[in-house]
N, C-alpha and C. Protein backbone atom coordinates (compact mmCIF):
# COMPACT_ATOMS: atom_id res chain seq x y z
N UNK A 1 114.57 83.07 107.25
CA UNK A 1 115.56 83.82 106.46
C UNK A 1 114.85 84.70 105.43
N UNK A 2 115.24 85.97 105.30
CA UNK A 2 114.58 86.90 104.38
C UNK A 2 114.94 86.63 102.93
N UNK A 3 114.23 87.33 102.06
CA UNK A 3 114.48 87.18 100.63
C UNK A 3 115.80 87.85 100.26
N UNK A 4 116.48 87.34 99.20
CA UNK A 4 117.65 88.04 98.70
C UNK A 4 117.26 89.47 98.29
N UNK A 5 118.13 90.41 98.45
CA UNK A 5 117.81 91.83 98.20
C UNK A 5 117.27 92.05 96.78
N UNK A 6 117.84 91.32 95.82
CA UNK A 6 117.41 91.47 94.43
C UNK A 6 115.94 91.10 94.24
N UNK A 7 115.43 90.18 95.07
CA UNK A 7 114.05 89.69 94.93
C UNK A 7 113.12 90.26 96.00
N UNK A 8 113.59 91.24 96.74
CA UNK A 8 112.78 91.84 97.80
C UNK A 8 111.93 92.97 97.23
N UNK A 9 110.67 92.66 96.90
CA UNK A 9 109.79 93.63 96.27
C UNK A 9 109.54 94.83 97.16
N UNK A 10 109.41 94.61 98.45
CA UNK A 10 109.19 95.72 99.38
C UNK A 10 110.29 96.76 99.29
N UNK A 11 111.53 96.28 99.33
CA UNK A 11 112.67 97.21 99.28
C UNK A 11 112.75 97.93 97.94
N UNK A 12 112.51 97.18 96.85
CA UNK A 12 112.51 97.81 95.52
C UNK A 12 111.45 98.90 95.44
N UNK A 13 110.24 98.55 95.88
CA UNK A 13 109.11 99.46 95.77
C UNK A 13 109.31 100.68 96.67
N UNK A 14 109.85 100.44 97.88
CA UNK A 14 110.09 101.54 98.82
C UNK A 14 111.19 102.48 98.29
N UNK A 15 112.23 101.89 97.71
CA UNK A 15 113.31 102.71 97.13
C UNK A 15 112.75 103.62 96.04
N UNK A 16 112.01 103.04 95.12
CA UNK A 16 111.47 103.82 94.02
C UNK A 16 110.40 104.79 94.51
N UNK A 17 109.56 104.33 95.44
CA UNK A 17 108.47 105.16 95.95
C UNK A 17 108.96 106.39 96.69
N UNK A 18 110.12 106.29 97.32
CA UNK A 18 110.66 107.43 98.07
C UNK A 18 111.01 108.60 97.14
N UNK A 19 111.19 108.30 95.86
CA UNK A 19 111.51 109.35 94.88
C UNK A 19 110.27 109.79 94.10
N UNK A 20 109.13 109.14 94.41
CA UNK A 20 107.90 109.44 93.67
C UNK A 20 106.73 109.47 94.65
N UNK A 21 106.68 110.53 95.46
CA UNK A 21 105.61 110.67 96.44
C UNK A 21 104.62 111.76 96.06
N UNK A 22 105.03 112.63 95.15
CA UNK A 22 104.14 113.70 94.70
C UNK A 22 103.16 113.17 93.65
N UNK A 23 101.85 113.41 93.81
CA UNK A 23 100.85 112.85 92.89
C UNK A 23 101.05 113.23 91.42
N UNK A 24 101.47 114.48 91.18
CA UNK A 24 101.68 114.92 89.79
C UNK A 24 102.90 114.23 89.19
N UNK A 25 103.95 114.09 89.98
CA UNK A 25 105.14 113.38 89.51
C UNK A 25 104.81 111.92 89.23
N UNK A 26 103.99 111.31 90.08
CA UNK A 26 103.57 109.92 89.86
C UNK A 26 102.79 109.81 88.55
N UNK A 27 101.89 110.77 88.31
CA UNK A 27 101.11 110.77 87.06
C UNK A 27 102.01 110.90 85.84
N UNK A 28 102.99 111.79 85.93
CA UNK A 28 103.93 111.99 84.83
C UNK A 28 104.66 110.69 84.51
N UNK A 29 105.12 109.99 85.57
CA UNK A 29 105.81 108.72 85.36
C UNK A 29 104.88 107.64 84.82
N UNK A 30 103.64 107.67 85.28
CA UNK A 30 102.66 106.70 84.78
C UNK A 30 102.48 106.86 83.27
N UNK A 31 102.52 108.11 82.80
CA UNK A 31 102.33 108.38 81.37
C UNK A 31 103.58 108.09 80.54
N UNK A 32 104.77 108.26 81.12
CA UNK A 32 105.98 108.24 80.31
C UNK A 32 106.89 107.01 80.45
N UNK A 33 106.79 106.25 81.53
CA UNK A 33 107.74 105.16 81.76
C UNK A 33 107.59 104.05 80.71
N UNK A 34 106.37 103.57 80.50
CA UNK A 34 106.19 102.48 79.52
C UNK A 34 106.52 102.91 78.10
N UNK A 35 106.19 104.15 77.67
CA UNK A 35 106.64 104.59 76.34
C UNK A 35 108.17 104.60 76.19
N UNK A 36 108.90 104.89 77.27
CA UNK A 36 110.37 104.82 77.21
C UNK A 36 110.81 103.39 76.93
N UNK A 37 110.20 102.44 77.66
CA UNK A 37 110.51 101.03 77.45
C UNK A 37 110.16 100.61 76.02
N UNK A 38 108.97 101.01 75.56
CA UNK A 38 108.49 100.62 74.23
C UNK A 38 109.41 101.14 73.13
N UNK A 39 109.75 102.43 73.19
CA UNK A 39 110.58 103.01 72.15
C UNK A 39 112.03 102.49 72.21
N UNK A 40 112.48 102.11 73.39
CA UNK A 40 113.81 101.47 73.50
C UNK A 40 113.82 100.16 72.72
N UNK A 41 112.70 99.42 72.81
CA UNK A 41 112.60 98.15 72.08
C UNK A 41 112.59 98.36 70.57
N UNK A 42 112.06 99.50 70.13
CA UNK A 42 112.10 99.81 68.68
C UNK A 42 113.56 99.87 68.23
N UNK A 43 114.39 100.52 69.03
CA UNK A 43 115.82 100.62 68.68
C UNK A 43 116.52 99.27 68.80
N UNK A 44 116.15 98.49 69.84
CA UNK A 44 116.74 97.17 70.04
C UNK A 44 116.45 96.23 68.86
N UNK A 45 115.38 96.51 68.12
CA UNK A 45 115.03 95.65 66.98
C UNK A 45 116.17 95.56 65.97
N UNK A 46 116.96 96.63 65.90
CA UNK A 46 118.02 96.69 64.89
C UNK A 46 119.35 96.10 65.37
N UNK A 47 119.36 95.48 66.55
CA UNK A 47 120.56 94.78 67.02
C UNK A 47 120.66 93.42 66.33
N UNK A 48 121.85 92.84 66.27
CA UNK A 48 122.02 91.56 65.57
C UNK A 48 121.14 90.45 66.16
N UNK A 49 120.62 89.59 65.29
CA UNK A 49 119.78 88.47 65.72
C UNK A 49 120.64 87.35 66.28
N UNK A 50 120.15 86.69 67.34
CA UNK A 50 120.85 85.54 67.91
C UNK A 50 120.71 84.31 67.01
N UNK A 51 119.53 84.17 66.41
CA UNK A 51 119.30 83.07 65.48
C UNK A 51 118.18 83.44 64.51
N UNK A 52 118.16 82.74 63.37
CA UNK A 52 117.19 83.02 62.32
C UNK A 52 116.00 82.07 62.46
N UNK A 53 114.83 82.65 62.74
CA UNK A 53 113.63 81.82 62.91
C UNK A 53 112.85 81.61 61.62
N UNK A 54 113.30 82.24 60.55
CA UNK A 54 112.51 82.22 59.31
C UNK A 54 112.34 80.81 58.75
N UNK A 55 113.31 79.92 59.00
CA UNK A 55 113.22 78.55 58.47
C UNK A 55 112.76 77.54 59.52
N UNK A 56 112.50 78.01 60.73
CA UNK A 56 112.18 77.07 61.82
C UNK A 56 110.74 76.58 61.80
N UNK A 57 109.85 77.38 61.23
CA UNK A 57 108.43 77.01 61.24
C UNK A 57 107.74 77.38 62.55
N UNK A 58 108.49 77.94 63.51
CA UNK A 58 107.91 78.32 64.81
C UNK A 58 107.04 79.56 64.65
N UNK A 59 107.57 80.51 63.90
CA UNK A 59 106.87 81.78 63.70
C UNK A 59 106.18 81.76 62.34
N UNK A 60 104.88 82.12 62.26
CA UNK A 60 104.19 82.19 60.97
C UNK A 60 104.96 83.05 59.97
N UNK A 61 104.94 82.66 58.71
CA UNK A 61 105.78 83.31 57.71
C UNK A 61 105.58 84.83 57.63
N UNK A 62 104.37 85.30 57.87
CA UNK A 62 104.11 86.74 57.81
C UNK A 62 104.76 87.52 58.92
N UNK A 63 105.22 86.83 59.97
CA UNK A 63 105.81 87.50 61.13
C UNK A 63 107.34 87.40 61.15
N UNK A 64 107.90 86.62 60.24
CA UNK A 64 109.35 86.35 60.26
C UNK A 64 110.19 87.62 60.21
N UNK A 65 109.74 88.56 59.40
CA UNK A 65 110.54 89.78 59.20
C UNK A 65 110.57 90.67 60.44
N UNK A 66 109.58 90.51 61.32
CA UNK A 66 109.46 91.42 62.47
C UNK A 66 109.91 90.80 63.78
N UNK A 67 109.48 89.56 64.05
CA UNK A 67 109.79 88.95 65.35
C UNK A 67 111.15 88.26 65.30
N UNK A 68 112.15 89.01 65.71
CA UNK A 68 113.53 88.55 65.65
C UNK A 68 114.05 88.31 67.07
N UNK A 69 114.75 87.20 67.27
CA UNK A 69 115.36 86.93 68.57
C UNK A 69 116.68 87.69 68.65
N UNK A 70 116.65 88.81 69.36
CA UNK A 70 117.84 89.65 69.50
C UNK A 70 117.85 90.25 70.91
N UNK A 71 118.58 91.34 71.10
CA UNK A 71 118.66 91.94 72.43
C UNK A 71 117.31 92.46 72.91
N UNK A 72 116.46 92.90 71.99
CA UNK A 72 115.13 93.38 72.37
C UNK A 72 114.28 92.28 72.97
N UNK A 73 114.24 91.13 72.31
CA UNK A 73 113.45 90.00 72.83
C UNK A 73 114.06 89.48 74.12
N UNK A 74 115.40 89.41 74.18
CA UNK A 74 116.08 88.90 75.37
C UNK A 74 115.80 89.80 76.58
N UNK A 75 115.85 91.11 76.37
CA UNK A 75 115.60 92.06 77.45
C UNK A 75 114.15 91.96 77.92
N UNK A 76 113.22 91.84 76.98
CA UNK A 76 111.80 91.73 77.32
C UNK A 76 111.52 90.47 78.12
N UNK A 77 112.11 89.37 77.70
CA UNK A 77 111.91 88.08 78.40
C UNK A 77 112.52 88.15 79.80
N UNK A 78 113.74 88.68 79.89
CA UNK A 78 114.40 88.80 81.19
C UNK A 78 113.58 89.65 82.15
N UNK A 79 113.12 90.81 81.67
CA UNK A 79 112.37 91.72 82.52
C UNK A 79 111.05 91.08 82.96
N UNK A 80 110.36 90.43 82.01
CA UNK A 80 109.10 89.76 82.31
C UNK A 80 109.26 88.68 83.36
N UNK A 81 110.29 87.86 83.22
CA UNK A 81 110.54 86.78 84.19
C UNK A 81 110.92 87.35 85.55
N UNK A 82 111.69 88.42 85.55
CA UNK A 82 112.08 89.07 86.81
C UNK A 82 110.85 89.56 87.56
N UNK A 83 109.92 90.17 86.83
CA UNK A 83 108.69 90.66 87.45
C UNK A 83 107.81 89.52 87.99
N UNK A 84 107.76 88.42 87.26
CA UNK A 84 106.97 87.26 87.71
C UNK A 84 107.55 86.71 89.01
N UNK A 85 108.87 86.67 89.09
CA UNK A 85 109.53 86.17 90.31
C UNK A 85 109.21 87.09 91.49
N UNK A 86 109.15 88.40 91.24
CA UNK A 86 108.86 89.36 92.31
C UNK A 86 107.43 89.22 92.81
N UNK A 87 106.49 89.02 91.89
CA UNK A 87 105.08 88.88 92.27
C UNK A 87 104.35 88.17 91.14
N UNK A 88 103.80 87.00 91.43
CA UNK A 88 103.24 86.16 90.37
C UNK A 88 102.08 86.82 89.63
N UNK A 89 101.14 87.46 90.36
CA UNK A 89 99.95 88.02 89.70
C UNK A 89 100.28 89.27 88.89
N UNK A 90 100.74 90.31 89.57
CA UNK A 90 101.07 91.56 88.88
C UNK A 90 102.26 91.34 87.93
N UNK A 91 103.17 90.47 88.34
CA UNK A 91 104.34 90.17 87.51
C UNK A 91 103.96 89.50 86.20
N UNK A 92 102.95 88.64 86.24
CA UNK A 92 102.47 87.98 85.01
C UNK A 92 101.86 89.01 84.06
N UNK A 93 101.10 89.95 84.62
CA UNK A 93 100.54 91.01 83.80
C UNK A 93 101.65 91.87 83.20
N UNK A 94 102.65 92.19 84.02
CA UNK A 94 103.79 92.98 83.54
C UNK A 94 104.55 92.23 82.44
N UNK A 95 104.69 90.91 82.61
CA UNK A 95 105.38 90.10 81.60
C UNK A 95 104.62 90.12 80.28
N UNK A 96 103.28 90.03 80.35
CA UNK A 96 102.46 90.11 79.14
C UNK A 96 102.61 91.47 78.46
N UNK A 97 102.68 92.53 79.28
CA UNK A 97 102.87 93.87 78.73
C UNK A 97 104.25 94.00 78.07
N UNK A 98 105.26 93.39 78.68
CA UNK A 98 106.61 93.40 78.10
C UNK A 98 106.60 92.69 76.74
N UNK A 99 105.92 91.54 76.70
CA UNK A 99 105.82 90.78 75.45
C UNK A 99 105.07 91.57 74.39
N UNK A 100 103.96 92.19 74.80
CA UNK A 100 103.17 93.00 73.86
C UNK A 100 103.99 94.18 73.34
N UNK A 101 104.77 94.79 74.22
CA UNK A 101 105.62 95.91 73.81
C UNK A 101 106.67 95.45 72.80
N UNK A 102 107.25 94.28 73.05
CA UNK A 102 108.27 93.76 72.13
C UNK A 102 107.67 93.49 70.75
N UNK A 103 106.50 92.84 70.73
CA UNK A 103 105.84 92.53 69.46
C UNK A 103 105.47 93.83 68.73
N UNK A 104 104.82 94.75 69.44
CA UNK A 104 104.42 96.02 68.82
C UNK A 104 105.60 96.83 68.33
N UNK A 105 106.64 96.93 69.17
CA UNK A 105 107.83 97.69 68.80
C UNK A 105 108.53 97.07 67.59
N UNK A 106 108.54 95.73 67.54
CA UNK A 106 109.20 95.04 66.43
C UNK A 106 108.51 95.33 65.10
N UNK A 107 107.18 95.29 65.10
CA UNK A 107 106.44 95.57 63.87
C UNK A 107 106.60 97.02 63.44
N UNK A 108 106.57 97.94 64.39
CA UNK A 108 106.75 99.35 64.06
C UNK A 108 108.15 99.59 63.50
N UNK A 109 109.16 99.00 64.15
CA UNK A 109 110.55 99.16 63.70
C UNK A 109 110.73 98.60 62.29
N UNK A 110 110.17 97.42 62.05
CA UNK A 110 110.28 96.79 60.73
C UNK A 110 109.60 97.64 59.66
N UNK A 111 108.49 98.25 60.04
CA UNK A 111 107.73 99.08 59.09
C UNK A 111 108.46 100.39 58.80
N UNK A 112 109.01 101.02 59.84
CA UNK A 112 109.66 102.33 59.68
C UNK A 112 111.02 102.23 59.00
N UNK A 113 111.77 101.17 59.34
CA UNK A 113 113.16 101.10 58.89
C UNK A 113 114.04 101.93 59.80
N UNK A 114 115.33 101.60 59.84
CA UNK A 114 116.22 102.24 60.81
C UNK A 114 116.33 103.75 60.62
N UNK A 115 116.40 104.22 59.37
CA UNK A 115 116.64 105.65 59.12
C UNK A 115 115.53 106.54 59.68
N UNK A 116 114.29 106.03 59.74
CA UNK A 116 113.20 106.80 60.32
C UNK A 116 112.98 106.43 61.79
N UNK A 117 113.17 105.16 62.12
CA UNK A 117 112.88 104.67 63.47
C UNK A 117 113.71 105.40 64.53
N UNK A 118 115.01 105.58 64.27
CA UNK A 118 115.84 106.20 65.31
C UNK A 118 115.43 107.65 65.57
N UNK A 119 114.89 108.33 64.55
CA UNK A 119 114.42 109.70 64.74
C UNK A 119 113.15 109.73 65.60
N UNK A 120 112.25 108.78 65.32
CA UNK A 120 111.02 108.67 66.12
C UNK A 120 111.36 108.35 67.57
N UNK A 121 112.30 107.43 67.75
CA UNK A 121 112.73 107.04 69.10
C UNK A 121 113.37 108.23 69.82
N UNK A 122 114.23 108.95 69.13
CA UNK A 122 114.93 110.10 69.73
C UNK A 122 113.93 111.14 70.23
N UNK A 123 112.96 111.50 69.40
CA UNK A 123 111.96 112.50 69.79
C UNK A 123 111.14 112.00 70.97
N UNK A 124 110.72 110.73 70.92
CA UNK A 124 109.90 110.15 71.99
C UNK A 124 110.67 110.11 73.31
N UNK A 125 111.92 109.67 73.24
CA UNK A 125 112.74 109.57 74.44
C UNK A 125 113.01 110.94 75.05
N UNK A 126 113.31 111.91 74.20
CA UNK A 126 113.56 113.27 74.70
C UNK A 126 112.32 113.83 75.39
N UNK A 127 111.15 113.62 74.79
CA UNK A 127 109.91 114.10 75.36
C UNK A 127 109.63 113.44 76.71
N UNK A 128 109.77 112.10 76.74
CA UNK A 128 109.45 111.35 77.96
C UNK A 128 110.44 111.65 79.09
N UNK A 129 111.73 111.68 78.77
CA UNK A 129 112.73 111.95 79.80
C UNK A 129 112.64 113.38 80.31
N UNK A 130 112.38 114.34 79.39
CA UNK A 130 112.22 115.74 79.81
C UNK A 130 111.04 115.88 80.76
N UNK A 131 109.93 115.22 80.42
CA UNK A 131 108.75 115.24 81.29
C UNK A 131 109.06 114.72 82.67
N UNK A 132 109.81 113.62 82.73
CA UNK A 132 110.13 113.02 84.03
C UNK A 132 111.07 113.91 84.84
N UNK A 133 112.07 114.48 84.21
CA UNK A 133 112.99 115.35 84.94
C UNK A 133 112.28 116.61 85.43
N UNK A 134 111.36 117.13 84.62
CA UNK A 134 110.58 118.28 85.05
C UNK A 134 109.68 117.90 86.23
N UNK A 135 109.12 116.70 86.17
CA UNK A 135 108.29 116.22 87.28
C UNK A 135 109.06 116.17 88.58
N UNK A 136 110.32 115.73 88.50
CA UNK A 136 111.16 115.66 89.71
C UNK A 136 111.57 117.06 90.17
N UNK A 137 111.95 117.90 89.22
CA UNK A 137 112.44 119.22 89.59
C UNK A 137 111.35 120.15 90.09
N UNK A 138 110.19 120.13 89.43
CA UNK A 138 109.13 121.08 89.77
C UNK A 138 108.23 120.57 90.89
N UNK A 139 107.85 119.31 90.83
CA UNK A 139 106.83 118.79 91.75
C UNK A 139 107.42 117.96 92.89
N UNK A 140 108.32 117.04 92.56
CA UNK A 140 108.90 116.18 93.60
C UNK A 140 109.97 116.92 94.39
N UNK A 141 110.67 117.81 93.70
CA UNK A 141 111.79 118.57 94.28
C UNK A 141 112.86 117.63 94.85
N UNK A 142 113.07 116.55 94.10
CA UNK A 142 114.11 115.60 94.45
C UNK A 142 114.66 114.98 93.17
N UNK A 143 115.96 114.77 93.12
CA UNK A 143 116.58 114.19 91.92
C UNK A 143 116.00 112.80 91.65
N UNK A 144 115.97 112.39 90.37
CA UNK A 144 115.43 111.06 90.04
C UNK A 144 116.19 109.93 90.71
N UNK A 145 115.50 108.79 90.89
CA UNK A 145 116.10 107.63 91.54
C UNK A 145 117.31 107.10 90.78
N UNK A 146 117.29 107.27 89.47
CA UNK A 146 118.38 106.71 88.65
C UNK A 146 119.73 107.34 88.95
N UNK A 147 119.73 108.54 89.54
CA UNK A 147 121.00 109.17 89.89
C UNK A 147 121.64 108.51 91.11
N UNK A 148 120.84 107.81 91.92
CA UNK A 148 121.37 107.10 93.08
C UNK A 148 121.58 105.62 92.81
N UNK A 149 120.73 105.04 91.98
CA UNK A 149 120.87 103.62 91.65
C UNK A 149 120.28 103.39 90.26
N UNK A 150 121.13 103.54 89.25
CA UNK A 150 120.68 103.51 87.85
C UNK A 150 120.00 102.19 87.49
N UNK A 151 120.65 101.08 87.81
CA UNK A 151 120.13 99.76 87.42
C UNK A 151 118.79 99.48 88.09
N UNK A 152 118.72 99.70 89.40
CA UNK A 152 117.48 99.43 90.13
C UNK A 152 116.34 100.31 89.63
N UNK A 153 116.64 101.58 89.39
CA UNK A 153 115.59 102.51 88.92
C UNK A 153 115.06 102.10 87.56
N UNK A 154 115.95 101.76 86.63
CA UNK A 154 115.53 101.40 85.28
C UNK A 154 114.80 100.06 85.25
N UNK A 155 115.29 99.11 86.04
CA UNK A 155 114.65 97.79 86.09
C UNK A 155 113.26 97.85 86.70
N UNK A 156 113.11 98.63 87.76
CA UNK A 156 111.86 98.62 88.51
C UNK A 156 110.83 99.62 88.02
N UNK A 157 111.23 100.60 87.24
CA UNK A 157 110.31 101.67 86.84
C UNK A 157 109.02 101.16 86.20
N UNK A 158 109.08 100.29 85.17
CA UNK A 158 107.82 99.83 84.57
C UNK A 158 106.93 99.07 85.55
N UNK A 159 107.54 98.24 86.39
CA UNK A 159 106.77 97.45 87.34
C UNK A 159 106.19 98.33 88.45
N UNK A 160 106.98 99.31 88.88
CA UNK A 160 106.51 100.23 89.91
C UNK A 160 105.27 100.98 89.43
N UNK A 161 105.32 101.47 88.19
CA UNK A 161 104.19 102.20 87.62
C UNK A 161 102.96 101.30 87.54
N UNK A 162 103.16 100.07 87.09
CA UNK A 162 102.03 99.13 86.99
C UNK A 162 101.42 98.84 88.36
N UNK A 163 102.27 98.59 89.35
CA UNK A 163 101.77 98.33 90.70
C UNK A 163 101.03 99.54 91.27
N UNK A 164 101.54 100.74 90.99
CA UNK A 164 100.86 101.96 91.42
C UNK A 164 99.45 102.04 90.85
N UNK A 165 99.32 101.75 89.57
CA UNK A 165 98.02 101.80 88.90
C UNK A 165 97.09 100.74 89.47
N UNK A 166 97.59 99.52 89.63
CA UNK A 166 96.77 98.43 90.18
C UNK A 166 96.33 98.73 91.61
N UNK A 167 97.24 99.34 92.37
CA UNK A 167 96.91 99.67 93.76
C UNK A 167 95.88 100.80 93.81
N UNK A 168 96.06 101.82 92.97
CA UNK A 168 95.15 102.97 92.97
C UNK A 168 93.75 102.61 92.48
N UNK A 169 93.69 101.82 91.41
CA UNK A 169 92.40 101.52 90.79
C UNK A 169 91.66 100.37 91.46
N UNK A 170 92.43 99.35 91.91
CA UNK A 170 91.79 98.12 92.40
C UNK A 170 92.17 97.76 93.83
N UNK A 171 93.01 98.59 94.46
CA UNK A 171 93.44 98.28 95.82
C UNK A 171 94.30 97.03 95.89
N UNK A 172 95.00 96.72 94.79
CA UNK A 172 95.79 95.49 94.72
C UNK A 172 97.02 95.55 95.63
N UNK A 173 97.29 94.44 96.30
CA UNK A 173 98.52 94.25 97.07
C UNK A 173 99.09 92.88 96.75
N UNK A 174 100.39 92.76 96.58
CA UNK A 174 100.98 91.43 96.36
C UNK A 174 100.67 90.46 97.50
N UNK A 175 100.56 91.00 98.70
CA UNK A 175 100.15 90.21 99.87
C UNK A 175 99.63 91.18 100.92
N UNK A 176 98.80 90.70 101.85
CA UNK A 176 98.21 91.59 102.87
C UNK A 176 99.28 92.33 103.67
N UNK A 177 99.09 93.63 103.83
CA UNK A 177 100.01 94.45 104.60
C UNK A 177 101.16 95.02 103.79
N UNK A 178 101.24 94.66 102.50
CA UNK A 178 102.35 95.12 101.66
C UNK A 178 102.41 96.65 101.61
N UNK A 179 101.27 97.27 101.28
CA UNK A 179 101.23 98.72 101.11
C UNK A 179 101.58 99.44 102.41
N UNK A 180 101.08 98.94 103.52
CA UNK A 180 101.36 99.56 104.82
C UNK A 180 102.85 99.50 105.14
N UNK A 181 103.46 98.34 104.90
CA UNK A 181 104.90 98.18 105.18
C UNK A 181 105.73 99.06 104.25
N UNK A 182 105.34 99.10 102.99
CA UNK A 182 106.08 99.91 102.02
C UNK A 182 105.96 101.39 102.36
N UNK A 183 104.74 101.84 102.69
CA UNK A 183 104.54 103.25 103.04
C UNK A 183 105.39 103.67 104.23
N UNK A 184 105.52 102.76 105.21
CA UNK A 184 106.36 103.05 106.38
C UNK A 184 107.82 103.21 105.97
N UNK A 185 108.28 102.35 105.06
CA UNK A 185 109.67 102.43 104.59
C UNK A 185 109.89 103.68 103.76
N UNK A 186 108.89 104.04 102.96
CA UNK A 186 108.99 105.25 102.15
C UNK A 186 109.10 106.50 103.04
N UNK A 187 108.25 106.56 104.06
CA UNK A 187 108.29 107.71 104.99
C UNK A 187 109.64 107.80 105.69
N UNK A 188 110.17 106.65 106.10
CA UNK A 188 111.47 106.62 106.77
C UNK A 188 112.58 107.08 105.84
N UNK A 189 112.51 106.62 104.58
CA UNK A 189 113.53 106.99 103.59
C UNK A 189 113.46 108.48 103.27
N UNK A 190 112.24 109.01 103.13
CA UNK A 190 112.09 110.45 102.84
C UNK A 190 112.58 111.29 104.01
N UNK A 191 112.27 110.85 105.23
CA UNK A 191 112.72 111.58 106.42
C UNK A 191 114.26 111.58 106.49
N UNK A 192 114.87 110.44 106.19
CA UNK A 192 116.33 110.34 106.21
C UNK A 192 116.94 111.29 105.18
N UNK A 193 116.34 111.34 103.99
CA UNK A 193 116.81 112.24 102.94
C UNK A 193 116.66 113.70 103.36
N UNK A 194 115.52 114.04 103.96
CA UNK A 194 115.28 115.42 104.41
C UNK A 194 116.25 115.82 105.51
N UNK A 195 116.54 114.88 106.43
CA UNK A 195 117.50 115.16 107.51
C UNK A 195 118.90 115.42 106.93
N UNK A 196 119.29 114.64 105.93
CA UNK A 196 120.60 114.82 105.30
C UNK A 196 120.66 116.19 104.62
N UNK A 197 119.54 116.56 103.99
CA UNK A 197 119.48 117.86 103.31
C UNK A 197 119.64 119.02 104.30
N UNK A 198 118.98 118.88 105.45
CA UNK A 198 119.07 119.91 106.48
C UNK A 198 120.49 120.04 107.02
N UNK A 199 121.17 118.90 107.18
CA UNK A 199 122.56 118.91 107.69
C UNK A 199 123.48 119.63 106.72
N UNK A 200 123.23 119.43 105.41
CA UNK A 200 124.07 120.08 104.41
C UNK A 200 123.88 121.59 104.44
N UNK A 201 122.64 122.01 104.66
CA UNK A 201 122.32 123.44 104.67
C UNK A 201 122.89 124.12 105.92
N UNK A 202 122.79 123.44 107.07
CA UNK A 202 123.23 124.03 108.34
C UNK A 202 124.74 124.00 108.49
């Protein structure tokens, strides 16, 4: 019996990869995806806390003001665990990056304060999203994945970028034959999209 669709890394990677086959567009996403996640966590810092850790003794007193259990921490933990379930090795690295982003974003948010933080986040998000849309429009010549499946695209984007980097630099595969199977699915998906485009034109 196959994996549930939600936990099928091949399908996730092939779906996202079909929208990111151009090398320049891939580079643009490599540069901008994690900063989008990071700056989102800066904004999440200002959401209501689920509980107050300042009196628990769990967190050192110097960190109480920054490390708050709220939507930012919950989202980071959820995403990290999801990535670990998809692939233990790369997923563990992604989970550590999610945790590091949460910690870093929390300290920056606490230091800046809301009145300045939201402006920094707005500028960063506009820059990163504009870069990605330009990458799709100019180089990929295909609409972003989020227009077809918003949740899947947003959930998988950080992990996809990390796997791309690990594969490019170290030849990493979650298991033997992964890249070959995914590439075949990506080619099939791109061909299907191109055929649909031709039908619309004709």
